[in-house]
PDB file of N, CA and C in Angstrom:
ATOM      1  N   UNK A   1       0.820  -1.195   0.004  1.00  0.00           N
ATOM      2  CA  UNK A   1      -0.053  -0.048  -0.088  1.00  0.00           C
ATOM      3  C   UNK A   1       0.918   1.296   0.045  1.00  0.00           C
ATOM      4  N   UNK A   2       0.624   2.226  -0.780  1.00  0.00           N
ATOM      5  CA  UNK A   2       1.347   3.471  -0.935  1.00  0.00           C
ATOM      6  C   UNK A   2       0.232   4.654  -0.732  1.00  0.00           C
ATOM      7  N   UNK A   3       0.855   5.619  -0.203  1.00  0.00           N
ATOM      8  CA  UNK A   3       0.014   6.815   0.043  1.00  0.00           C
ATOM      9  C   UNK A   3       0.758   7.977  -0.905  1.00  0.00           C
ATOM     10  N   UNK A   4      -0.330   8.641  -1.421  1.00  0.00           N
ATOM     11  CA  UNK A   4       0.300  10.036  -2.246  1.00  0.00           C
ATOM     12  C   UNK A   4      -0.228  11.160  -1.465  1.00  0.00           C
ATOM     13  N   UNK A   5       0.543  12.024  -1.092  1.00  0.00           N
ATOM     14  CA  UNK A   5       0.475  13.005  -0.318  1.00  0.00           C
ATOM     15  C   UNK A   5       0.667  14.280  -1.155  1.00  0.00           C
ATOM     16  N   UNK A   6      -0.170  15.181  -1.275  1.00  0.00           N
ATOM     17  CA  UNK A   6       0.122  16.450  -1.931  1.00  0.00           C
ATOM     18  C   UNK A   6      -0.251  17.661  -1.012  1.00  0.00           C
ATOM     19  N   UNK A   7       0.976  18.496  -1.013  1.00  0.00           N
ATOM     20  CA  UNK A   7       0.897  19.626  -0.060  1.00  0.00           C
ATOM     21  C   UNK A   7       0.718  20.896  -0.698  1.00  0.00           C
ATOM     22  N   UNK A   8      -0.241  21.686  -0.301  1.00  0.00           N
ATOM     23  CA  UNK A   8      -0.429  23.005  -0.617  1.00  0.00           C
ATOM     24  C   UNK A   8       0.039  24.015   0.444  1.00  0.00           C
ATOM     25  N   UNK A   9       0.815  24.880   0.028  1.00  0.00           N
ATOM     26  CA  UNK A   9       1.568  25.684   1.003  1.00  0.00           C
ATOM     27  C   UNK A   9       0.671  26.758   1.502  1.00  0.00           C
ATOM     28  N   UNK A  10      -0.158  27.274   0.835  1.00  0.00           N
ATOM     29  CA  UNK A  10      -0.894  28.512   1.230  1.00  0.00           C
ATOM     30  C   UNK A  10      -1.788  28.261   2.461  1.00  0.00           C
ATOM     31  N   UNK A  11      -2.180  26.983   2.445  1.00  0.00           N
ATOM     32  CA  UNK A  11      -3.182  26.653   3.532  1.00  0.00           C
ATOM     33  C   UNK A  11      -2.562  25.617   4.461  1.00  0.00           C
ATOM     34  N   UNK A  12      -1.377  25.232   4.292  1.00  0.00           N
ATOM     35  CA  UNK A  12      -0.757  23.955   5.027  1.00  0.00           C
ATOM     36  C   UNK A  12      -1.717  22.825   4.992  1.00  0.00           C
ATOM     37  N   UNK A  13      -2.562  22.839   3.946  1.00  0.00           N
ATOM     38  CA  UNK A  13      -3.640  21.826   3.748  1.00  0.00           C
ATOM     39  C   UNK A  13      -2.937  20.643   2.922  1.00  0.00           C
ATOM     40  N   UNK A  14      -3.492  19.383   2.913  1.00  0.00           N
ATOM     41  CA  UNK A  14      -2.852  18.470   2.197  1.00  0.00           C
ATOM     42  C   UNK A  14      -3.929  17.367   1.789  1.00  0.00           C
ATOM     43  N   UNK A  15      -3.791  16.773   0.866  1.00  0.00           N
ATOM     44  CA  UNK A  15      -4.786  15.832   0.373  1.00  0.00           C
ATOM     45  C   UNK A  15      -3.916  14.485   0.172  1.00  0.00           C
ATOM     46  N   UNK A  16      -4.721  13.293   0.431  1.00  0.00           N
ATOM     47  CA  UNK A  16      -3.984  11.973   0.561  1.00  0.00           C
ATOM     48  C   UNK A  16      -4.963  10.959  -0.067  1.00  0.00           C
ATOM     49  N   UNK A  17      -4.352  10.007  -0.530  1.00  0.00           N
ATOM     50  CA  UNK A  17      -5.081   8.807  -1.101  1.00  0.00           C
ATOM     51  C   UNK A  17      -4.189   7.534  -0.937  1.00  0.00           C
ATOM     52  N   UNK A  18      -4.775   6.514  -0.428  1.00  0.00           N
ATOM     53  CA  UNK A  18      -4.119   5.251  -0.304  1.00  0.00           C
ATOM     54  C   UNK A  18      -4.502   4.584  -1.475  1.00  0.00           C
ATOM     55  N   UNK A  19      -3.531   3.754  -1.982  1.00  0.00           N
ATOM     56  CA  UNK A  19      -3.741   2.961  -3.145  1.00  0.00           C
ATOM     57  C   UNK A  19      -2.659   1.799  -3.258  1.00  0.00           C
ATOM     58  N   UNK A  20      -3.010   0.759  -3.993  1.00  0.00           N
ATOM     59  CA  UNK A  20      -1.938  -0.341  -4.213  1.00  0.00           C
ATOM     60  C   UNK A  20      -1.134   0.020  -5.479  1.00  0.00           C
ATOM     61  N   UNK A  21       0.047  -0.466  -5.621  1.00  0.00           N
ATOM     62  CA  UNK A  21       0.890  -0.065  -6.628  1.00  0.00           C
ATOM     63  C   UNK A  21       0.365  -0.390  -7.971  1.00  0.00           C
ATOM     64  N   UNK A  22      -0.591  -1.199  -8.081  1.00  0.00           N
ATOM     65  CA  UNK A  22      -1.300  -1.610  -9.450  1.00  0.00           C
ATOM     66  C   UNK A  22      -2.480  -0.599  -9.747  1.00  0.00           C
ATOM     67  N   UNK A  23      -2.791   0.439  -8.842  1.00  0.00           N
ATOM     68  CA  UNK A  23      -3.911   1.274  -9.215  1.00  0.00           C
ATOM     69  C   UNK A  23      -3.370   2.718  -9.460  1.00  0.00           C
ATOM     70  N   UNK A  24      -2.171   2.839  -9.771  1.00  0.00           N
ATOM     71  CA  UNK A  24      -1.462   4.115  -9.848  1.00  0.00           C
ATOM     72  C   UNK A  24      -2.360   5.104 -10.747  1.00  0.00           C
ATOM     73  N   UNK A  25      -2.781   4.685 -11.898  1.00  0.00           N
ATOM     74  CA  UNK A  25      -3.396   5.612 -12.806  1.00  0.00           C
ATOM     75  C   UNK A  25      -4.784   6.053 -12.060  1.00  0.00           C
ATOM     76  N   UNK A  26      -5.408   5.262 -11.416  1.00  0.00           N
ATOM     77  CA  UNK A  26      -6.789   5.564 -10.786  1.00  0.00           C
ATOM     78  C   UNK A  26      -6.317   6.734  -9.796  1.00  0.00           C
ATOM     79  N   UNK A  27      -5.240   6.382  -8.968  1.00  0.00           N
ATOM     80  CA  UNK A  27      -4.976   7.336  -7.809  1.00  0.00           C
ATOM     81  C   UNK A  27      -4.621   8.619  -8.411  1.00  0.00           C
ATOM     82  N   UNK A  28      -3.678   8.599  -9.438  1.00  0.00           N
ATOM     83  CA  UNK A  28      -3.405   9.996 -10.111  1.00  0.00           C
ATOM     84  C   UNK A  28      -4.461  10.641 -10.564  1.00  0.00           C
ATOM     85  N   UNK A  29      -5.413  10.045 -10.999  1.00  0.00           N
ATOM     86  CA  UNK A  29      -6.707  10.691 -11.782  1.00  0.00           C
ATOM     87  C   UNK A  29      -7.369  11.322 -10.516  1.00  0.00           C
ATOM     88  N   UNK A  30      -7.703  10.602  -9.301  1.00  0.00           N
ATOM     89  CA  UNK A  30      -8.412  11.063  -8.272  1.00  0.00           C
ATOM     90  C   UNK A  30      -7.687  12.257  -7.769  1.00  0.00           C
ATOM     91  N   UNK A  31      -6.396  12.326  -7.567  1.00  0.00           N
ATOM     92  CA  UNK A  31      -5.691  13.322  -6.945  1.00  0.00           C
ATOM     93  C   UNK A  31      -5.760  14.546  -7.899  1.00  0.00           C
ATOM     94  N   UNK A  32      -5.726  14.266  -9.247  1.00  0.00           N
ATOM     95  CA  UNK A  32      -6.090  15.454 -10.202  1.00  0.00           C
ATOM     96  C   UNK A  32      -7.216  16.151  -9.964  1.00  0.00           C
ATOM     97  N   UNK A  33      -8.291  15.258  -9.833  1.00  0.00           N
ATOM     98  CA  UNK A  33      -9.675  15.710  -9.547  1.00  0.00           C
ATOM     99  C   UNK A  33      -9.656  16.755  -8.406  1.00  0.00           C
ATOM    100  N   UNK A  34      -9.069  16.328  -7.295  1.00  0.00           N
ATOM    101  CA  UNK A  34      -8.961  16.957  -6.188  1.00  0.00           C
ATOM    102  C   UNK A  34      -8.181  18.179  -6.269  1.00  0.00           C
ATOM    103  N   UNK A  35      -7.239  18.226  -6.891  1.00  0.00           N
ATOM    104  CA  UNK A  35      -6.475  19.491  -7.248  1.00  0.00           C
ATOM    105  C   UNK A  35      -7.334  20.320  -8.008  1.00  0.00           C
ATOM    106  N   UNK A  36      -8.053  19.920  -9.018  1.00  0.00           N
ATOM    107  CA  UNK A  36      -9.106  20.926  -9.643  1.00  0.00           C
ATOM    108  C   UNK A  36     -10.124  21.396  -8.657  1.00  0.00           C
ATOM    109  N   UNK A  37     -10.308  20.739  -7.846  1.00  0.00           N
ATOM    110  CA  UNK A  37     -11.489  21.339  -6.815  1.00  0.00           C
ATOM    111  C   UNK A  37     -10.871  22.229  -5.952  1.00  0.00           C
ATOM    112  N   UNK A  38      -9.625  22.162  -5.473  1.00  0.00           N
ATOM    113  CA  UNK A  38      -8.858  23.125  -4.743  1.00  0.00           C
ATOM    114  C   UNK A  38      -8.531  24.306  -5.670  1.00  0.00           C
ATOM    115  N   UNK A  39      -8.084  24.137  -6.933  1.00  0.00           N
ATOM    116  CA  UNK A  39      -7.980  25.389  -7.766  1.00  0.00           C
ATOM    117  C   UNK A  39      -9.207  26.218  -7.927  1.00  0.00           C
ATOM    118  N   UNK A  40     -10.410  25.505  -8.220  1.00  0.00           N
ATOM    119  CA  UNK A  40     -11.573  26.205  -8.177  1.00  0.00           C
ATOM    120  C   UNK A  40     -12.022  26.924  -6.978  1.00  0.00           C
ATOM    121  N   UNK A  41     -11.886  26.321  -5.914  1.00  0.00           N
ATOM    122  CA  UNK A  41     -12.048  26.980  -4.608  1.00  0.00           C
ATOM    123  C   UNK A  41     -11.268  28.239  -4.575  1.00  0.00           C
ATOM    124  N   UNK A  42      -9.849  28.239  -4.705  1.00  0.00           N
ATOM    125  CA  UNK A  42      -9.104  29.281  -4.616  1.00  0.00           C
ATOM    126  C   UNK A  42      -9.494  30.330  -5.465  1.00  0.00           C
ATOM    127  N   UNK A  43      -9.777  30.044  -6.815  1.00  0.00           N
ATOM    128  CA  UNK A  43     -10.350  31.116  -7.763  1.00  0.00           C
ATOM    129  C   UNK A  43     -11.557  31.858  -7.174  1.00  0.00           C
ATOM    130  N   UNK A  44     -12.584  30.984  -6.569  1.00  0.00           N
ATOM    131  CA  UNK A  44     -13.725  31.586  -6.092  1.00  0.00           C
ATOM    132  C   UNK A  44     -13.501  32.586  -5.046  1.00  0.00           C
ATOM    133  N   UNK A  45     -12.496  32.387  -4.289  1.00  0.00           N
ATOM    134  CA  UNK A  45     -12.147  33.156  -3.175  1.00  0.00           C
ATOM    135  C   UNK A  45     -10.929  34.105  -3.436  1.00  0.00           C
ATOM    136  N   UNK A  46     -10.705  34.398  -4.587  1.00  0.00           N
ATOM    137  CA  UNK A  46      -9.801  35.351  -5.065  1.00  0.00           C
ATOM    138  C   UNK A  46      -8.449  35.050  -4.471  1.00  0.00           C
ATOM    139  N   UNK A  47      -8.095  33.699  -4.343  1.00  0.00           N
ATOM    140  CA  UNK A  47      -6.729  33.242  -4.015  1.00  0.00           C
ATOM    141  C   UNK A  47      -6.052  32.591  -5.179  1.00  0.00           C
ATOM    142  N   UNK A  48      -4.696  32.536  -5.076  1.00  0.00           N
ATOM    143  CA  UNK A  48      -4.048  31.744  -6.148  1.00  0.00           C
ATOM    144  C   UNK A  48      -2.989  30.908  -5.375  1.00  0.00           C
ATOM    145  N   UNK A  49      -2.962  29.560  -5.664  1.00  0.00           N
ATOM    146  CA  UNK A  49      -1.883  28.764  -5.143  1.00  0.00           C
ATOM    147  C   UNK A  49      -0.524  29.126  -5.688  1.00  0.00           C
ATOM    148  N   UNK A  50       0.546  28.938  -4.887  1.00  0.00           N
ATOM    149  CA  UNK A  50       1.899  29.164  -5.417  1.00  0.00           C
ATOM    150  C   UNK A  50       2.482  27.658  -5.964  1.00  0.00           C
ATOM    151  N   UNK A  51       2.347  27.528  -7.153  1.00  0.00           N
ATOM    152  CA  UNK A  51       2.774  26.391  -7.803  1.00  0.00           C
ATOM    153  C   UNK A  51       4.160  25.938  -7.311  1.00  0.00           C
ATOM    154  N   UNK A  52       5.139  26.835  -7.157  1.00  0.00           N
ATOM    155  CA  UNK A  52       6.520  26.500  -6.748  1.00  0.00           C
ATOM    156  C   UNK A  52       6.640  26.060  -5.383  1.00  0.00           C
ATOM    157  N   UNK A  53       5.563  26.274  -4.619  1.00  0.00           N
ATOM    158  CA  UNK A  53       5.821  25.737  -3.127  1.00  0.00           C
ATOM    159  C   UNK A  53       4.704  24.362  -3.060  1.00  0.00           C
ATOM    160  N   UNK A  54       3.966  24.185  -3.955  1.00  0.00           N
ATOM    161  CA  UNK A  54       3.249  23.061  -3.834  1.00  0.00           C
ATOM    162  C   UNK A  54       4.015  21.740  -4.333  1.00  0.00           C
ATOM    163  N   UNK A  55       3.948  20.741  -3.314  1.00  0.00           N
ATOM    164  CA  UNK A  55       4.832  19.524  -3.630  1.00  0.00           C
ATOM    165  C   UNK A  55       3.930  18.343  -3.461  1.00  0.00           C
ATOM    166  N   UNK A  56       4.353  17.222  -4.057  1.00  0.00           N
ATOM    167  CA  UNK A  56       3.615  15.893  -3.897  1.00  0.00           C
ATOM    168  C   UNK A  56       4.693  14.957  -3.345  1.00  0.00           C
ATOM    169  N   UNK A  57       4.068  14.012  -2.603  1.00  0.00           N
ATOM    170  CA  UNK A  57       5.280  12.846  -2.229  1.00  0.00           C
ATOM    171  C   UNK A  57       4.577  11.500  -2.182  1.00  0.00           C
ATOM    172  N   UNK A  58       5.077  10.507  -2.474  1.00  0.00           N
ATOM    173  CA  UNK A  58       4.650   9.157  -2.348  1.00  0.00           C
ATOM    174  C   UNK A  58       5.246   8.724  -0.961  1.00  0.00           C
ATOM    175  N   UNK A  59       4.355   8.108  -0.094  1.00  0.00           N
ATOM    176  CA  UNK A  59       4.709   7.535   1.095  1.00  0.00           C
ATOM    177  C   UNK A  59       4.291   6.051   1.133  1.00  0.00           C
ATOM    178  N   UNK A  60       5.454   5.150   1.599  1.00  0.00           N
ATOM    179  CA  UNK A  60       5.009   3.853   1.689  1.00  0.00           C
ATOM    180  C   UNK A  60       6.423   3.113   1.907  1.00  0.00           C
ATOM    181  N   UNK A  61       6.434   1.816   1.847  1.00  0.00           N
ATOM    182  CA  UNK A  61       7.604   1.039   2.017  1.00  0.00           C
ATOM    183  C   UNK A  61       8.524   1.192   0.925  1.00  0.00           C
ATOM    184  N   UNK A  62      10.008   1.016   1.259  1.00  0.00           N
ATOM    185  CA  UNK A  62      10.861   1.173   0.037  1.00  0.00           C
ATOM    186  C   UNK A  62      10.563   0.433  -1.005  1.00  0.00           C
ATOM    187  N   UNK A  63      10.103  -0.702  -0.744  1.00  0.00           N
ATOM    188  CA  UNK A  63       9.855  -1.638  -2.051  1.00  0.00           C
ATOM    189  C   UNK A  63       8.718  -0.931  -3.009  1.00  0.00           C
ATOM    190  N   UNK A  64       7.592  -0.600  -2.349  1.00  0.00           N
ATOM    191  CA  UNK A  64       6.638   0.139  -3.136  1.00  0.00           C
ATOM    192  C   UNK A  64       6.933   1.510  -3.738  1.00  0.00           C
ATOM    193  N   UNK A  65       7.501   2.254  -2.999  1.00  0.00           N
ATOM    194  CA  UNK A  65       7.850   3.592  -3.511  1.00  0.00           C
ATOM    195  C   UNK A  65       8.877   3.623  -4.424  1.00  0.00           C
ATOM    196  N   UNK A  66       9.909   2.725  -4.480  1.00  0.00           N
ATOM    197  CA  UNK A  66      10.857   2.577  -5.490  1.00  0.00           C
ATOM    198  C   UNK A  66      10.190   1.939  -6.658  1.00  0.00           C
ATOM    199  N   UNK A  67       9.504   1.040  -6.629  1.00  0.00           N
ATOM    200  CA  UNK A  67       8.774   0.291  -7.645  1.00  0.00           C
ATOM    201  C   UNK A  67       7.991   1.351  -8.475  1.00  0.00           C
ATOM    202  N   UNK A  68       7.304   2.121  -7.865  1.00  0.00           N
ATOM    203  CA  UNK A  68       6.460   3.110  -8.603  1.00  0.00           C
ATOM    204  C   UNK A  68       7.141   4.327  -9.169  1.00  0.00           C
ATOM    205  N   UNK A  69       8.372   4.754  -8.268  1.00  0.00           N
ATOM    206  CA  UNK A  69       8.948   5.901  -8.903  1.00  0.00           C
ATOM    207  C   UNK A  69       9.956   5.585 -10.072  1.00  0.00           C
ATOM    208  N   UNK A  70      10.405   4.452  -9.981  1.00  0.00           N
ATOM    209  CA  UNK A  70      11.256   3.979 -11.140  1.00  0.00           C
ATOM    210  C   UNK A  70      10.425   3.474 -12.226  1.00  0.00           C
ATOM    211  N   UNK A  71       9.177   2.900 -12.295  1.00  0.00           N
ATOM    212  CA  UNK A  71       8.680   2.371 -13.338  1.00  0.00           C
ATOM    213  C   UNK A  71       7.510   3.358 -13.919  1.00  0.00           C
ATOM    214  N   UNK A  72       7.436   4.400 -13.391  1.00  0.00           N
ATOM    215  CA  UNK A  72       6.160   5.253 -13.942  1.00  0.00           C
ATOM    216  C   UNK A  72       6.702   6.795 -14.047  1.00  0.00           C
ATOM    217  N   UNK A  73       5.757   7.417 -14.761  1.00  0.00           N
ATOM    218  CA  UNK A  73       6.064   8.913 -14.806  1.00  0.00           C
ATOM    219  C   UNK A  73       4.896   9.470 -14.209  1.00  0.00           C
ATOM    220  N   UNK A  74       5.212   9.978 -12.785  1.00  0.00           N
ATOM    221  CA  UNK A  74       4.177  10.553 -11.913  1.00  0.00           C
ATOM    222  C   UNK A  74       3.975  11.972 -12.469  1.00  0.00           C
ATOM    223  N   UNK A  75       2.761  12.490 -12.773  1.00  0.00           N
ATOM    224  CA  UNK A  75       2.558  13.821 -13.236  1.00  0.00           C
ATOM    225  C   UNK A  75       1.346  14.249 -12.516  1.00  0.00           C
ATOM    226  N   UNK A  76       1.455  15.414 -11.827  1.00  0.00           N
ATOM    227  CA  UNK A  76       0.235  16.074 -11.326  1.00  0.00           C
ATOM    228  C   UNK A  76       0.499  17.522 -11.827  1.00  0.00           C
ATOM    229  N   UNK A  77      -0.607  18.333 -12.017  1.00  0.00           N
ATOM    230  CA  UNK A  77      -0.311  19.696 -12.384  1.00  0.00           C
ATOM    231  C   UNK A  77      -1.207  20.608 -11.623  1.00  0.00           C
ATOM    232  N   UNK A  78      -0.830  21.812 -11.438  1.00  0.00           N
ATOM    233  CA  UNK A  78      -1.452  22.931 -10.912  1.00  0.00           C
ATOM    234  C   UNK A  78      -1.358  24.003 -11.758  1.00  0.00           C
ATOM    235  N   UNK A  79      -2.578  24.674 -12.167  1.00  0.00           N
ATOM    236  CA  UNK A  79      -2.453  25.705 -13.148  1.00  0.00           C
ATOM    237  C   UNK A  79      -1.824  25.435 -14.490  1.00  0.00           C
ATOM    238  N   UNK A  80      -1.818  24.263 -14.900  1.00  0.00           N
ATOM    239  CA  UNK A  80      -1.089  23.757 -15.952  1.00  0.00           C
ATOM    240  C   UNK A  80       0.436  23.663 -15.839  1.00  0.00           C
ATOM    241  N   UNK A  81       0.947  23.875 -14.704  1.00  0.00           N
ATOM    242  CA  UNK A  81       2.364  23.512 -14.279  1.00  0.00           C
ATOM    243  C   UNK A  81       2.544  22.176 -13.587  1.00  0.00           C
ATOM    244  N   UNK A  82       3.504  21.441 -13.727  1.00  0.00           N
ATOM    245  CA  UNK A  82       3.699  20.290 -13.006  1.00  0.00           C
ATOM    246  C   UNK A  82       4.127  20.410 -11.602  1.00  0.00           C
ATOM    247  N   UNK A  83       3.578  19.706 -10.679  1.00  0.00           N
ATOM    248  CA  UNK A  83       3.986  19.717  -9.385  1.00  0.00           C
ATOM    249  C   UNK A  83       5.126  18.798  -9.200  1.00  0.00           C
ATOM    250  N   UNK A  84       6.048  19.294  -8.277  1.00  0.00           N
ATOM    251  CA  UNK A  84       7.321  18.480  -8.123  1.00  0.00           C
ATOM    252  C   UNK A  84       7.019  17.440  -6.947  1.00  0.00           C
ATOM    253  N   UNK A  85       7.559  16.304  -7.428  1.00  0.00           N
ATOM    254  CA  UNK A  85       7.512  15.266  -6.434  1.00  0.00           C
ATOM    255  C   UNK A  85       8.790  15.250  -5.667  1.00  0.00           C
ATOM    256  N   UNK A  86       8.781  15.084  -4.381  1.00  0.00           N
ATOM    257  CA  UNK A  86       9.824  15.095  -3.471  1.00  0.00           C
ATOM    258  C   UNK A  86       9.875  14.000  -2.514  1.00  0.00           C
ATOM    259  N   UNK A  87      11.172  13.670  -1.900  1.00  0.00           N
ATOM    260  CA  UNK A  87      11.407  12.477  -1.225  1.00  0.00           C
ATOM    261  C   UNK A  87      11.154  12.795   0.296  1.00  0.00           C
ATOM    262  N   UNK A  88      11.290  14.154   0.783  1.00  0.00           N
ATOM    263  CA  UNK A  88      11.150  14.758   1.957  1.00  0.00           C
ATOM    264  C   UNK A  88      10.564  16.127   1.967  1.00  0.00           C
ATOM    265  N   UNK A  89       9.831  16.562   3.072  1.00  0.00           N
ATOM    266  CA  UNK A  89       9.256  17.870   3.122  1.00  0.00           C
ATOM    267  C   UNK A  89       9.419  18.316   4.587  1.00  0.00           C
ATOM    268  N   UNK A  90       9.604  19.480   4.945  1.00  0.00           N
ATOM    269  CA  UNK A  90       9.764  20.000   6.273  1.00  0.00           C
ATOM    270  C   UNK A  90       8.617  21.219   6.403  1.00  0.00           C
ATOM    271  N   UNK A  91       7.921  20.967   7.472  1.00  0.00           N
ATOM    272  CA  UNK A  91       6.892  22.163   7.727  1.00  0.00           C
ATOM    273  C   UNK A  91       6.993  22.289   9.395  1.00  0.00           C
ATOM    274  N   UNK A  92       7.102  23.380   9.767  1.00  0.00           N
ATOM    275  CA  UNK A  92       7.108  23.822  11.239  1.00  0.00           C
ATOM    276  C   UNK A  92       8.037  22.862  11.943  1.00  0.00           C
ATOM    277  N   UNK A  93       9.183  22.746  11.283  1.00  0.00           N
ATOM    278  CA  UNK A  93      10.224  21.947  12.008  1.00  0.00           C
ATOM    279  C   UNK A  93      10.112  20.400  11.963  1.00  0.00           C
ATOM    280  N   UNK A  94       9.067  19.966  11.371  1.00  0.00           N
ATOM    281  CA  UNK A  94       8.751  18.472  11.279  1.00  0.00           C
ATOM    282  C   UNK A  94       9.013  18.015   9.850  1.00  0.00           C
ATOM    283  N   UNK A  95       9.904  17.069   9.793  1.00  0.00           N
ATOM    284  CA  UNK A  95      10.324  16.581   8.389  1.00  0.00           C
ATOM    285  C   UNK A  95       9.490  15.270   8.295  1.00  0.00           C
ATOM    286  N   UNK A  96       9.080  15.159   7.125  1.00  0.00           N
ATOM    287  CA  UNK A  96       8.305  13.877   6.558  1.00  0.00           C
ATOM    288  C   UNK A  96       9.113  13.365   5.553  1.00  0.00           C
ATOM    289  N   UNK A  97       9.509  12.084   5.610  1.00  0.00           N
ATOM    290  CA  UNK A  97      10.131  11.380   4.444  1.00  0.00           C
ATOM    291  C   UNK A  97       9.250  10.532   3.835  1.00  0.00           C
ATOM    292  N   UNK A  98       9.515  10.009   2.633  1.00  0.00           N
ATOM    293  CA  UNK A  98       8.581   9.233   1.724  1.00  0.00           C
ATOM    294  C   UNK A  98       8.727   7.662   2.308  1.00  0.00           C
ATOM    295  N   UNK A  99       9.903   7.165   2.831  1.00  0.00           N
ATOM    296  CA  UNK A  99      10.015   5.920   3.186  1.00  0.00           C
ATOM    297  C   UNK A  99       9.542   5.564   4.604  1.00  0.00           C
ATOM    298  N   UNK A 100       8.454   4.820   4.650  1.00  0.00           N
ATOM    299  CA  UNK A 100       7.935   4.480   5.824  1.00  0.00           C
ATOM    300  C   UNK A 100       8.439   3.016   6.408  1.00  0.00           C
ATOM    301  N   UNK A 101       8.946   3.014   7.671  1.00  0.00           N
ATOM    302  CA  UNK A 101       9.526   1.813   8.248  1.00  0.00           C
ATOM    303  C   UNK A 101       8.531   1.280   9.306  1.00  0.00           C
TER     304      UNK A 101
END
């Protein structure tokens, strides 16, 4: 089981979805739909997300994360720009890494 975590900087909000490694396309589609909802909400409230501060991260065991990272092209976009996938992220002094033990 792998978790895809998407971090939106302006709200410190995140979206996540649990999925098995063989359901990657479904998971990416679902997260893409969620990103579109957040984009729409931001637009309705006269806000704009900072694409350069928005990151995505796969969380899971080393086996699953490495299998997905090496065998697929993970792509999520915000306002038409690709969201960067990262191995670790720090917020308020707490660092999250993508490999769970």
